[in-house]
Every structure is written in C-alpha cells, then in structure tokens.
Amino acid sequence: MATYDVNPAAVAHARRLIDARQYVLDSDWGEVQPRADAENAYLERHSWDDYGEWHLGLTQGANDGTKARYAFVYGDLRRVHRSGLIACVYRASEWRHKAVELAAHDLLQRLDQMAGID
C-alpha cells in the first residue's frame, strides 16, 4: 500500500480558496471530480506545482512531475468541493492515512464555518 505525506502547498491553496469563497457546497463528487482528460488539459496550461496544489497527499517514493506523485484531489481544478473534502476524509481514514485525514477534516471544518454550516 502506498504511503502519503500531507502536501502543505495544497492545504494552503485550499485555505485560500475557502477564504475567497471559491467552493461548492452541494455536488456529487462521483460526477464532478476531475477525470484524466480534464487533468491532462489542466496540465497543458499549468505547471506540475499548480496541479499538485489540488491534491492533499504526496505519494512517498513517486517521482515529481508525474500524476502518481499526487493523491487525494479535493476540487474540480477551479473550486473546492465540500463533497471532495468529505471523500478525502473518508478515503484517508479508510486506508489509515491519518495525517491526510486530519488535514482534510480541518479544511472541511474551515469550509463549513465559512459557509455558516452548523
């Protein structure tokens, strides 16, 4: 099983987006999460660092500049999705990646507070 480090650049990016209210509260993550073609199109216009900012996990041992390096996507490459953060919390907790789970949970709490969700 792969192991992951928390991606601090992604956490900071998500915080900035949440603070700027660039989020979607209600979405079906299975429908809106970025597919390979959307990721490839994004990478044609952006750097690997930009791409990485959309992923809360960095795969240990994977090479930089590859999709394999990044895991736990939380947005649609434009906005944070609440359902994406929930998916990150769930997947990270399911596979016992505690640091990523906690980072996603903290971002979810921040989003909920910003959105006025009690």
N, C-alpha and C. Protein backbone atom coordinates (compact mmCIF):
# COMPACT_ATOMS: atom_id res chain seq x y z
N MET A 1 0.84 -1.18 0.00
CA MET A 1 0.00 0.00 0.00
C MET A 1 0.88 1.24 0.00
N ALA A 2 0.49 2.22 -0.78
CA ALA A 2 1.23 3.48 -0.85
C ALA A 2 1.11 4.23 0.48
N THR A 3 2.11 5.04 0.75
CA THR A 3 2.06 5.93 1.91
C THR A 3 2.16 7.36 1.41
N TYR A 4 1.60 8.27 2.20
CA TYR A 4 1.47 9.65 1.76
C TYR A 4 1.92 10.62 2.83
N ASP A 5 2.46 11.72 2.37
CA ASP A 5 2.72 12.88 3.21
C ASP A 5 1.67 13.93 2.88
N VAL A 6 1.37 14.78 3.84
CA VAL A 6 0.46 15.89 3.56
C VAL A 6 1.19 16.88 2.66
N ASN A 7 0.47 17.39 1.69
CA ASN A 7 1.01 18.38 0.76
C ASN A 7 0.69 19.78 1.30
N PRO A 8 1.66 20.45 1.93
CA PRO A 8 1.38 21.76 2.53
C PRO A 8 0.94 22.80 1.50
N ALA A 9 1.44 22.71 0.27
CA ALA A 9 1.02 23.67 -0.76
C ALA A 9 -0.46 23.50 -1.07
N ALA A 10 -0.95 22.27 -1.07
CA ALA A 10 -2.37 22.01 -1.34
C ALA A 10 -3.23 22.51 -0.19
N VAL A 11 -2.79 22.31 1.02
CA VAL A 11 -3.55 22.79 2.19
C VAL A 11 -3.65 24.31 2.13
N ALA A 12 -2.55 24.99 1.84
CA ALA A 12 -2.56 26.45 1.75
C ALA A 12 -3.45 26.91 0.61
N HIS A 13 -3.39 26.24 -0.53
CA HIS A 13 -4.24 26.59 -1.68
C HIS A 13 -5.71 26.43 -1.33
N ALA A 14 -6.06 25.33 -0.70
CA ALA A 14 -7.46 25.10 -0.31
C ALA A 14 -7.93 26.16 0.68
N ARG A 15 -7.09 26.51 1.61
CA ARG A 15 -7.46 27.57 2.58
C ARG A 15 -7.74 28.89 1.86
N ARG A 16 -6.85 29.24 0.92
CA ARG A 16 -7.06 30.50 0.17
C ARG A 16 -8.38 30.46 -0.60
N LEU A 17 -8.66 29.34 -1.23
CA LEU A 17 -9.90 29.23 -1.99
C LEU A 17 -11.12 29.31 -1.08
N ILE A 18 -11.06 28.64 0.05
CA ILE A 18 -12.17 28.68 1.01
C ILE A 18 -12.38 30.11 1.52
N ASP A 19 -11.29 30.76 1.88
CA ASP A 19 -11.39 32.13 2.40
C ASP A 19 -11.95 33.09 1.34
N ALA A 20 -11.69 32.78 0.06
CA ALA A 20 -12.21 33.60 -1.04
C ALA A 20 -13.59 33.14 -1.49
N ARG A 21 -14.16 32.18 -0.76
CA ARG A 21 -15.49 31.62 -1.05
C ARG A 21 -15.55 30.97 -2.44
N GLN A 22 -14.46 30.36 -2.83
CA GLN A 22 -14.40 29.63 -4.10
C GLN A 22 -14.63 28.15 -3.81
N TYR A 23 -15.89 27.85 -3.45
CA TYR A 23 -16.22 26.47 -3.11
C TYR A 23 -17.63 26.15 -3.56
N VAL A 24 -17.89 24.85 -3.63
CA VAL A 24 -19.21 24.33 -3.98
C VAL A 24 -19.68 23.50 -2.79
N LEU A 25 -20.84 23.84 -2.27
CA LEU A 25 -21.34 23.14 -1.08
C LEU A 25 -22.05 21.83 -1.42
N ASP A 26 -22.78 21.79 -2.50
CA ASP A 26 -23.57 20.61 -2.85
C ASP A 26 -23.18 20.12 -4.23
N SER A 27 -22.55 18.96 -4.27
CA SER A 27 -22.19 18.35 -5.55
C SER A 27 -22.06 16.84 -5.35
N ASP A 28 -22.19 16.13 -6.44
CA ASP A 28 -21.99 14.69 -6.45
C ASP A 28 -20.54 14.47 -6.85
N TRP A 29 -19.70 14.13 -5.88
CA TRP A 29 -18.26 14.03 -6.13
C TRP A 29 -17.95 13.01 -7.23
N GLY A 30 -18.71 11.97 -7.32
CA GLY A 30 -18.51 10.98 -8.38
C GLY A 30 -18.70 11.57 -9.77
N GLU A 31 -19.48 12.63 -9.86
CA GLU A 31 -19.74 13.27 -11.15
C GLU A 31 -18.79 14.42 -11.45
N VAL A 32 -18.33 15.13 -10.41
CA VAL A 32 -17.57 16.36 -10.64
C VAL A 32 -16.07 16.24 -10.43
N GLN A 33 -15.62 15.14 -9.84
CA GLN A 33 -14.18 15.02 -9.63
C GLN A 33 -13.46 14.98 -10.98
N PRO A 34 -12.27 15.56 -11.04
CA PRO A 34 -11.57 15.65 -12.33
C PRO A 34 -11.22 14.27 -12.88
N ARG A 35 -11.51 14.08 -14.15
CA ARG A 35 -11.15 12.86 -14.87
C ARG A 35 -9.79 13.06 -15.53
N ALA A 36 -9.24 12.01 -16.05
CA ALA A 36 -7.91 12.07 -16.67
C ALA A 36 -7.83 13.11 -17.77
N ASP A 37 -8.86 13.22 -18.60
CA ASP A 37 -8.82 14.18 -19.70
C ASP A 37 -8.82 15.62 -19.16
N ALA A 38 -9.57 15.89 -18.11
CA ALA A 38 -9.57 17.22 -17.51
C ALA A 38 -8.22 17.53 -16.86
N GLU A 39 -7.63 16.53 -16.21
CA GLU A 39 -6.31 16.72 -15.61
C GLU A 39 -5.27 16.99 -16.69
N ASN A 40 -5.32 16.24 -17.79
CA ASN A 40 -4.37 16.45 -18.88
C ASN A 40 -4.51 17.85 -19.48
N ALA A 41 -5.75 18.29 -19.67
CA ALA A 41 -5.98 19.64 -20.20
C ALA A 41 -5.45 20.69 -19.23
N TYR A 42 -5.64 20.47 -17.95
CA TYR A 42 -5.14 21.40 -16.93
C TYR A 42 -3.61 21.47 -17.01
N LEU A 43 -2.97 20.30 -17.14
CA LEU A 43 -1.51 20.26 -17.19
C LEU A 43 -0.95 20.89 -18.46
N GLU A 44 -1.73 20.99 -19.51
CA GLU A 44 -1.27 21.67 -20.72
C GLU A 44 -1.14 23.18 -20.49
N ARG A 45 -1.90 23.70 -19.55
CA ARG A 45 -1.93 25.14 -19.29
C ARG A 45 -1.28 25.55 -17.98
N HIS A 46 -0.95 24.57 -17.12
CA HIS A 46 -0.42 24.87 -15.79
C HIS A 46 0.80 24.00 -15.49
N SER A 47 1.51 24.39 -14.45
CA SER A 47 2.71 23.65 -14.03
C SER A 47 2.32 22.46 -13.16
N TRP A 48 3.29 21.59 -12.94
CA TRP A 48 3.09 20.47 -12.02
C TRP A 48 2.84 20.98 -10.60
N ASP A 49 3.48 22.09 -10.24
CA ASP A 49 3.23 22.66 -8.91
C ASP A 49 1.78 23.10 -8.78
N ASP A 50 1.24 23.73 -9.83
CA ASP A 50 -0.17 24.13 -9.81
C ASP A 50 -1.07 22.90 -9.68
N TYR A 51 -0.77 21.88 -10.44
CA TYR A 51 -1.54 20.63 -10.40
C TYR A 51 -1.49 20.03 -8.99
N GLY A 52 -0.31 20.03 -8.40
CA GLY A 52 -0.14 19.46 -7.07
C GLY A 52 -0.95 20.16 -6.00
N GLU A 53 -1.22 21.46 -6.19
CA GLU A 53 -1.98 22.21 -5.20
C GLU A 53 -3.41 21.73 -5.07
N TRP A 54 -3.86 20.87 -5.96
CA TRP A 54 -5.22 20.31 -5.89
C TRP A 54 -5.26 18.95 -5.22
N HIS A 55 -4.13 18.51 -4.66
CA HIS A 55 -4.03 17.17 -4.07
C HIS A 55 -3.45 17.25 -2.67
N LEU A 56 -4.20 16.76 -1.69
CA LEU A 56 -3.76 16.87 -0.30
C LEU A 56 -2.66 15.89 0.06
N GLY A 57 -2.43 14.87 -0.76
CA GLY A 57 -1.41 13.87 -0.46
C GLY A 57 -0.30 13.84 -1.48
N LEU A 58 0.92 13.63 -0.99
CA LEU A 58 2.08 13.40 -1.83
C LEU A 58 2.51 11.95 -1.62
N THR A 59 2.54 11.18 -2.68
CA THR A 59 2.89 9.77 -2.60
C THR A 59 4.39 9.64 -2.33
N GLN A 60 4.73 8.99 -1.23
CA GLN A 60 6.13 8.77 -0.91
C GLN A 60 6.76 7.86 -1.94
N GLY A 61 7.93 8.26 -2.42
CA GLY A 61 8.67 7.45 -3.38
C GLY A 61 8.31 7.67 -4.83
N ALA A 62 7.23 8.39 -5.11
CA ALA A 62 6.85 8.66 -6.50
C ALA A 62 7.66 9.85 -7.03
N ASN A 63 7.93 9.83 -8.30
CA ASN A 63 8.73 10.89 -8.92
C ASN A 63 7.92 12.18 -9.05
N ASP A 64 8.60 13.32 -8.83
CA ASP A 64 7.99 14.61 -9.10
C ASP A 64 7.66 14.68 -10.58
N GLY A 65 6.68 15.48 -10.93
CA GLY A 65 6.32 15.66 -12.32
C GLY A 65 5.57 14.48 -12.91
N THR A 66 4.92 13.70 -12.05
CA THR A 66 4.08 12.59 -12.50
C THR A 66 2.77 12.63 -11.73
N LYS A 67 1.71 12.14 -12.35
CA LYS A 67 0.43 12.08 -11.65
C LYS A 67 0.50 11.15 -10.45
N ALA A 68 1.35 10.15 -10.52
CA ALA A 68 1.48 9.20 -9.41
C ALA A 68 1.95 9.89 -8.13
N ARG A 69 2.58 11.03 -8.25
CA ARG A 69 3.09 11.76 -7.08
C ARG A 69 1.97 12.33 -6.22
N TYR A 70 0.80 12.56 -6.84
CA TYR A 70 -0.27 13.29 -6.16
C TYR A 70 -1.50 12.42 -5.91
N ALA A 71 -2.11 12.61 -4.74
CA ALA A 71 -3.30 11.83 -4.36
C ALA A 71 -4.23 12.71 -3.55
N PHE A 72 -5.46 12.27 -3.44
CA PHE A 72 -6.49 12.93 -2.63
C PHE A 72 -6.86 14.31 -3.19
N VAL A 73 -7.37 14.30 -4.40
CA VAL A 73 -7.86 15.52 -5.03
C VAL A 73 -9.11 15.99 -4.29
N TYR A 74 -9.25 17.29 -4.11
CA TYR A 74 -10.36 17.83 -3.30
C TYR A 74 -11.23 18.83 -4.06
N GLY A 75 -10.90 19.10 -5.30
CA GLY A 75 -11.68 20.08 -6.05
C GLY A 75 -11.71 19.73 -7.53
N ASP A 76 -12.39 20.57 -8.29
CA ASP A 76 -12.58 20.33 -9.72
C ASP A 76 -11.55 21.07 -10.58
N LEU A 77 -10.45 21.48 -9.97
CA LEU A 77 -9.37 22.24 -10.60
C LEU A 77 -9.75 23.71 -10.84
N ARG A 78 -10.87 24.10 -10.22
CA ARG A 78 -11.28 25.51 -10.20
C ARG A 78 -11.74 25.93 -8.81
N ARG A 79 -12.49 25.03 -8.15
CA ARG A 79 -13.07 25.35 -6.84
C ARG A 79 -12.95 24.14 -5.92
N VAL A 80 -12.97 24.42 -4.64
CA VAL A 80 -13.03 23.36 -3.63
C VAL A 80 -14.45 22.80 -3.62
N HIS A 81 -14.58 21.51 -3.51
CA HIS A 81 -15.90 20.89 -3.36
C HIS A 81 -15.99 20.29 -1.97
N ARG A 82 -17.04 20.63 -1.26
CA ARG A 82 -17.27 20.05 0.06
C ARG A 82 -17.30 18.53 -0.04
N SER A 83 -17.95 18.02 -1.08
CA SER A 83 -18.01 16.57 -1.27
C SER A 83 -16.62 15.99 -1.54
N GLY A 84 -15.72 16.76 -2.16
CA GLY A 84 -14.36 16.31 -2.38
C GLY A 84 -13.58 16.21 -1.09
N LEU A 85 -13.77 17.18 -0.20
CA LEU A 85 -13.11 17.11 1.11
C LEU A 85 -13.64 15.93 1.92
N ILE A 86 -14.95 15.72 1.86
CA ILE A 86 -15.53 14.57 2.57
C ILE A 86 -14.95 13.27 2.02
N ALA A 87 -14.81 13.18 0.69
CA ALA A 87 -14.23 11.99 0.08
C ALA A 87 -12.79 11.79 0.54
N CYS A 88 -12.03 12.87 0.66
CA CYS A 88 -10.65 12.77 1.14
C CYS A 88 -10.61 12.27 2.58
N VAL A 89 -11.47 12.82 3.43
CA VAL A 89 -11.53 12.37 4.83
C VAL A 89 -11.84 10.87 4.87
N TYR A 90 -12.85 10.48 4.12
CA TYR A 90 -13.29 9.09 4.13
C TYR A 90 -12.20 8.15 3.62
N ARG A 91 -11.65 8.46 2.44
CA ARG A 91 -10.63 7.57 1.85
C ARG A 91 -9.39 7.50 2.72
N ALA A 92 -8.95 8.65 3.23
CA ALA A 92 -7.74 8.66 4.06
C ALA A 92 -7.97 7.88 5.35
N SER A 93 -9.14 8.02 5.95
CA SER A 93 -9.41 7.28 7.19
C SER A 93 -9.58 5.80 6.91
N GLU A 94 -10.20 5.47 5.78
CA GLU A 94 -10.39 4.07 5.42
C GLU A 94 -9.06 3.34 5.29
N TRP A 95 -8.07 4.01 4.70
CA TRP A 95 -6.76 3.39 4.46
C TRP A 95 -5.72 3.80 5.50
N ARG A 96 -6.16 4.44 6.57
CA ARG A 96 -5.32 4.80 7.72
C ARG A 96 -4.17 5.73 7.39
N HIS A 97 -4.48 6.74 6.59
CA HIS A 97 -3.51 7.80 6.29
C HIS A 97 -3.91 9.00 7.16
N LYS A 98 -3.55 8.90 8.43
CA LYS A 98 -4.07 9.81 9.45
C LYS A 98 -3.75 11.28 9.18
N ALA A 99 -2.53 11.59 8.75
CA ALA A 99 -2.17 12.99 8.54
C ALA A 99 -3.02 13.62 7.43
N VAL A 100 -3.25 12.88 6.35
CA VAL A 100 -4.09 13.40 5.26
C VAL A 100 -5.53 13.51 5.73
N GLU A 101 -6.00 12.52 6.48
CA GLU A 101 -7.36 12.56 7.02
C GLU A 101 -7.57 13.82 7.86
N LEU A 102 -6.64 14.11 8.74
CA LEU A 102 -6.78 15.27 9.62
C LEU A 102 -6.69 16.58 8.84
N ALA A 103 -5.82 16.64 7.84
CA ALA A 103 -5.72 17.86 7.02
C ALA A 103 -7.05 18.10 6.29
N ALA A 104 -7.61 17.06 5.71
CA ALA A 104 -8.89 17.19 5.00
C ALA A 104 -10.01 17.56 5.97
N HIS A 105 -10.00 16.95 7.14
CA HIS A 105 -11.02 17.26 8.16
C HIS A 105 -10.94 18.73 8.58
N ASP A 106 -9.73 19.22 8.82
CA ASP A 106 -9.57 20.63 9.21
C ASP A 106 -10.08 21.57 8.12
N LEU A 107 -9.79 21.23 6.85
CA LEU A 107 -10.28 22.06 5.74
C LEU A 107 -11.80 22.00 5.65
N LEU A 108 -12.37 20.84 5.88
CA LEU A 108 -13.83 20.70 5.86
C LEU A 108 -14.46 21.57 6.96
N GLN A 109 -13.87 21.58 8.14
CA GLN A 109 -14.38 22.41 9.23
C GLN A 109 -14.27 23.89 8.88
N ARG A 110 -13.17 24.27 8.24
CA ARG A 110 -12.98 25.66 7.83
C ARG A 110 -14.04 26.06 6.80
N LEU A 111 -14.28 25.20 5.83
CA LEU A 111 -15.29 25.48 4.80
C LEU A 111 -16.66 25.60 5.44
N ASP A 112 -17.00 24.66 6.31
CA ASP A 112 -18.31 24.70 6.97
C ASP A 112 -18.50 25.97 7.78
N GLN A 113 -17.46 26.38 8.48
CA GLN A 113 -17.54 27.62 9.26
C GLN A 113 -17.75 28.81 8.34
N MET A 114 -16.97 28.87 7.26
CA MET A 114 -17.09 29.98 6.31
C MET A 114 -18.49 30.03 5.69
N ALA A 115 -19.04 28.85 5.41
CA ALA A 115 -20.35 28.77 4.76
C ALA A 115 -21.50 28.90 5.74
N GLY A 116 -21.20 28.95 7.04
CA GLY A 116 -22.25 29.08 8.04
C GLY A 116 -23.00 27.79 8.31
N ILE A 117 -22.33 26.66 8.06
CA ILE A 117 -22.95 25.36 8.32
C ILE A 117 -22.69 25.01 9.78
N ASP A 118 -23.76 24.82 10.53
CA ASP A 118 -23.63 24.50 11.96
C ASP A 118 -23.36 23.04 12.18
